[in-house]
Amino acid sequence: MNLPTLLTLPNAFGLFALVNLWTFMLFGFDKVRAEAGSWRVSEGTLLAWAFLGGTIGAYAGRALFRHKTRKQPFSSHLHQTAILHVLALALMGGWMLVG
């Protein structure tokens, strides 16, 4: 298979869902590890997965697990990533309407 064949809308949505599920699970895993006082998932890793498209999973994980909700500058970085994603979606949407 070649790359254009793989770049379909259903595949993109599937990848988006997997990245968000993985990010959500990482937040849950990190919360369990934090409560146990053992090795943790780094904030850099959590933010990287959010940046790669997992912001919805990150926010859902924060809310459900009540994890990293007040931690600074983590929260600010996550909010900045979410804003960046919204702007990127708006630009893509505008480009698709004009293009």
Protein backbone atom coordinates (compact mmCIF):
# COMPACT_ATOMS: atom_id res chain seq x y z
CA MET A 1 0.00 0.00 0.00
CA ASN A 2 1.17 3.51 -0.71
CA LEU A 3 0.79 6.55 1.52
CA PRO A 4 -2.07 8.29 -0.36
CA THR A 5 -4.11 5.10 -0.05
CA LEU A 6 -3.66 5.15 3.74
CA LEU A 7 -4.49 8.85 4.10
CA THR A 8 -8.26 8.51 4.21
CA LEU A 9 -10.71 10.31 6.47
CA PRO A 10 -11.72 7.12 8.33
CA ASN A 11 -8.04 6.30 8.95
CA ALA A 12 -7.40 9.84 10.20
CA PHE A 13 -10.35 9.63 12.59
CA GLY A 14 -9.18 6.21 13.77
CA LEU A 15 -5.68 7.50 14.47
CA PHE A 16 -7.13 10.54 16.24
CA ALA A 17 -9.24 8.25 18.44
CA LEU A 18 -6.27 6.01 19.24
CA VAL A 19 -4.03 8.95 20.18
CA ASN A 20 -6.72 10.33 22.47
CA LEU A 21 -7.41 6.94 24.05
CA TRP A 22 -3.69 6.41 24.65
CA THR A 23 -3.31 9.90 26.17
CA PHE A 24 -6.33 9.30 28.41
CA MET A 25 -4.87 5.98 29.57
CA LEU A 26 -1.49 7.59 30.27
CA PHE A 27 -3.17 10.10 32.60
CA GLY A 28 -4.91 7.25 34.42
CA PHE A 29 -1.71 5.22 34.63
CA ASP A 30 0.21 8.21 35.96
CA LYS A 31 -2.46 8.86 38.60
CA VAL A 32 -2.28 5.24 39.82
CA ARG A 33 1.52 5.45 39.95
CA ALA A 34 1.39 8.79 41.78
CA GLU A 35 -0.89 7.37 44.46
CA ALA A 36 1.41 4.36 44.83
CA GLY A 37 4.46 6.60 45.13
CA SER A 38 6.31 4.84 42.34
CA TRP A 39 7.79 5.65 38.92
CA ARG A 40 5.72 8.21 37.01
CA VAL A 41 4.99 9.21 33.43
CA SER A 42 6.88 12.45 32.83
CA GLU A 43 4.97 15.67 32.28
CA GLY A 44 6.86 16.03 29.02
CA THR A 45 5.46 12.72 27.80
CA LEU A 46 1.92 13.65 28.80
CA LEU A 47 2.21 17.01 27.06
CA ALA A 48 3.82 15.45 23.98
CA TRP A 49 0.89 13.07 23.51
CA ALA A 50 -1.52 15.96 23.99
CA PHE A 51 0.40 17.95 21.37
CA LEU A 52 0.30 15.00 18.95
CA GLY A 53 -3.50 15.23 18.95
CA GLY A 54 -4.50 13.88 22.35
CA THR A 55 -5.82 17.07 23.95
CA ILE A 56 -9.33 15.66 24.28
CA GLY A 57 -7.94 12.56 25.98
CA ALA A 58 -5.75 14.73 28.21
CA TYR A 59 -8.66 16.90 29.35
CA ALA A 60 -10.88 13.84 29.85
CA GLY A 61 -8.14 12.11 31.86
CA ARG A 62 -7.58 15.19 34.00
CA ALA A 63 -11.29 15.45 34.73
CA LEU A 64 -12.03 11.77 35.36
CA PHE A 65 -8.90 10.96 37.35
CA ARG A 66 -8.64 14.42 38.97
CA HIS A 67 -5.01 14.44 37.97
CA LYS A 68 -2.75 17.42 37.20
CA THR A 69 -5.67 19.82 37.44
CA ARG A 70 -3.83 22.54 39.38
CA LYS A 71 -0.22 21.76 38.47
CA GLN A 72 1.62 24.72 36.93
CA PRO A 73 3.11 25.24 34.40
CA PHE A 74 1.63 21.92 33.18
CA SER A 75 -1.92 23.30 33.00
CA SER A 76 -0.80 26.38 31.09
CA HIS A 77 1.11 24.28 28.57
CA LEU A 78 -1.91 22.01 28.07
CA HIS A 79 -4.18 25.02 27.55
CA GLN A 80 -1.72 26.49 25.04
CA THR A 81 -1.67 23.20 23.15
CA ALA A 82 -5.47 23.12 23.05
CA ILE A 83 -5.58 26.70 21.74
CA LEU A 84 -3.01 25.80 19.08
CA HIS A 85 -5.14 22.83 17.99
CA VAL A 86 -8.29 24.97 17.77
CA LEU A 87 -6.45 27.54 15.67
CA ALA A 88 -5.05 24.82 13.40
CA LEU A 89 -8.53 23.35 12.92
CA ALA A 90 -9.95 26.80 12.13
CA LEU A 91 -7.20 27.43 9.57
CA MET A 92 -7.73 24.03 7.99
CA GLY A 93 -11.48 24.59 7.88
CA GLY A 94 -11.04 28.00 6.28
CA TRP A 95 -8.55 26.58 3.78
CA MET A 96 -10.97 23.80 2.85
CA LEU A 97 -13.82 26.30 2.34
CA VAL A 98 -11.70 28.57 0.13
CA GLY A 99 -9.62 25.90 -1.56
